[in-house]
Amino acid sequence: MDLDTARLFLEVLYATLYVENVPTDLYEALRTRASERRKSISAEVIALLEENVPTAKELASRRGLLKQARRIRAAAKRTSPFPSSEAMQREDRRR
């Protein structure tokens, strides 16, 4: 594999992100955080992005879980032998 092909291959796998005008105190906090975790600043930024920016796959997974939770909640309302918490609160207020 020649050098140009290798570069193209890497560009497909990983994008490069340049950030300008980072406030000094934010950069220092990032550097301290990276140092505490024994990571490079770049690795720490990637970890923070992974933790805080959901991918399309993650959003689809969340939508699926929400849909499932709504289905379970709807089924529980139909089959529960007990009154809902709202009904119980209304009853308590009437006393």
Protein backbone atom coordinates (compact mmCIF):
# COMPACT_ATOMS: atom_id res chain seq x y z
CA MET A 1 0.00 0.00 0.00
CA ASP A 2 1.51 3.33 -1.00
CA LEU A 3 1.47 6.43 1.21
CA ASP A 4 -1.46 8.15 -0.57
CA THR A 5 -3.61 5.05 -0.27
CA ALA A 6 -2.75 4.76 3.41
CA ARG A 7 -3.72 8.40 4.01
CA LEU A 8 -6.99 7.93 2.17
CA PHE A 9 -7.69 4.81 4.22
CA LEU A 10 -7.09 6.67 7.49
CA GLU A 11 -9.22 9.62 6.40
CA VAL A 12 -12.13 7.27 5.81
CA LEU A 13 -11.81 5.78 9.29
CA TYR A 14 -11.13 8.94 11.28
CA ALA A 15 -12.05 12.56 10.76
CA THR A 16 -9.85 15.38 11.98
CA LEU A 17 -11.36 18.06 14.17
CA TYR A 18 -9.66 21.40 14.69
CA VAL A 19 -10.97 23.70 17.40
CA GLU A 20 -9.97 27.35 17.51
CA ASN A 21 -10.38 30.02 20.17
CA VAL A 22 -10.65 27.64 23.12
CA PRO A 23 -10.71 29.74 26.31
CA THR A 24 -7.54 29.29 28.33
CA ASP A 25 -9.31 28.17 31.50
CA LEU A 26 -11.27 25.54 29.56
CA TYR A 27 -8.10 24.27 27.90
CA GLU A 28 -6.33 24.07 31.26
CA ALA A 29 -9.26 22.15 32.75
CA LEU A 30 -9.16 19.76 29.80
CA ARG A 31 -5.41 19.31 30.12
CA THR A 32 -5.72 18.64 33.86
CA ARG A 33 -8.55 16.15 33.28
CA ALA A 34 -6.54 14.34 30.60
CA SER A 35 -3.48 14.23 32.83
CA GLU A 36 -5.48 12.80 35.75
CA ARG A 37 -6.75 10.03 33.49
CA ARG A 38 -3.32 9.47 31.97
CA LYS A 39 -4.59 10.33 28.50
CA SER A 40 -3.55 12.75 25.82
CA ILE A 41 -5.70 15.82 25.36
CA SER A 42 -6.89 14.39 22.05
CA ALA A 43 -7.91 11.09 23.67
CA GLU A 44 -9.72 12.96 26.43
CA VAL A 45 -11.63 15.11 23.93
CA ILE A 46 -12.69 11.97 22.06
CA ALA A 47 -13.82 10.36 25.33
CA LEU A 48 -15.85 13.46 26.23
CA LEU A 49 -17.44 13.56 22.79
CA GLU A 50 -18.32 9.86 22.99
CA GLU A 51 -19.92 10.38 26.41
CA ASN A 52 -21.88 13.50 25.48
CA VAL A 53 -22.69 13.47 21.77
CA PRO A 54 -24.99 10.65 20.75
CA THR A 55 -24.42 9.05 17.36
CA ALA A 56 -27.26 8.18 14.98
CA LYS A 57 -27.01 4.58 16.20
CA GLU A 58 -27.30 5.68 19.84
CA LEU A 59 -30.30 7.92 19.07
CA ALA A 60 -32.04 5.05 17.27
CA SER A 61 -31.38 2.81 20.26
CA ARG A 62 -32.82 5.41 22.64
CA ARG A 63 -35.93 5.80 20.46
CA GLY A 64 -36.38 2.03 20.51
CA LEU A 65 -36.09 1.92 24.30
CA LEU A 66 -38.55 4.81 24.67
CA LYS A 67 -41.02 3.06 22.36
CA GLN A 68 -40.68 -0.14 24.38
CA ALA A 69 -41.15 1.73 27.68
CA ARG A 70 -44.30 3.41 26.36
CA ARG A 71 -45.65 0.04 25.22
CA ILE A 72 -44.99 -1.46 28.67
CA ARG A 73 -46.58 1.51 30.41
CA ALA A 74 -49.69 1.32 28.21
CA ALA A 75 -50.01 -2.42 28.87
CA ALA A 76 -49.59 -1.90 32.62
CA LYS A 77 -52.40 0.69 32.66
CA ARG A 78 -54.77 -1.79 31.02
CA THR A 79 -53.93 -4.78 33.20
CA SER A 80 -53.07 -3.37 36.63
CA PRO A 81 -55.48 -4.37 39.41
CA PHE A 82 -54.32 -1.37 41.43
CA PRO A 83 -55.39 2.26 40.96
CA SER A 84 -52.90 4.63 39.37
CA SER A 85 -50.86 6.95 41.57
CA GLU A 86 -52.86 9.89 40.18
CA ALA A 87 -56.13 8.24 41.19
CA MET A 88 -54.76 7.53 44.66
CA GLN A 89 -53.66 11.16 45.08
CA ARG A 90 -57.07 12.42 43.97
CA GLU A 91 -58.74 10.12 46.48
CA ASP A 92 -56.47 11.35 49.28
CA ARG A 93 -57.24 14.99 48.45
CA ARG A 94 -60.97 14.35 48.66
CA ARG A 95 -60.67 13.06 52.24
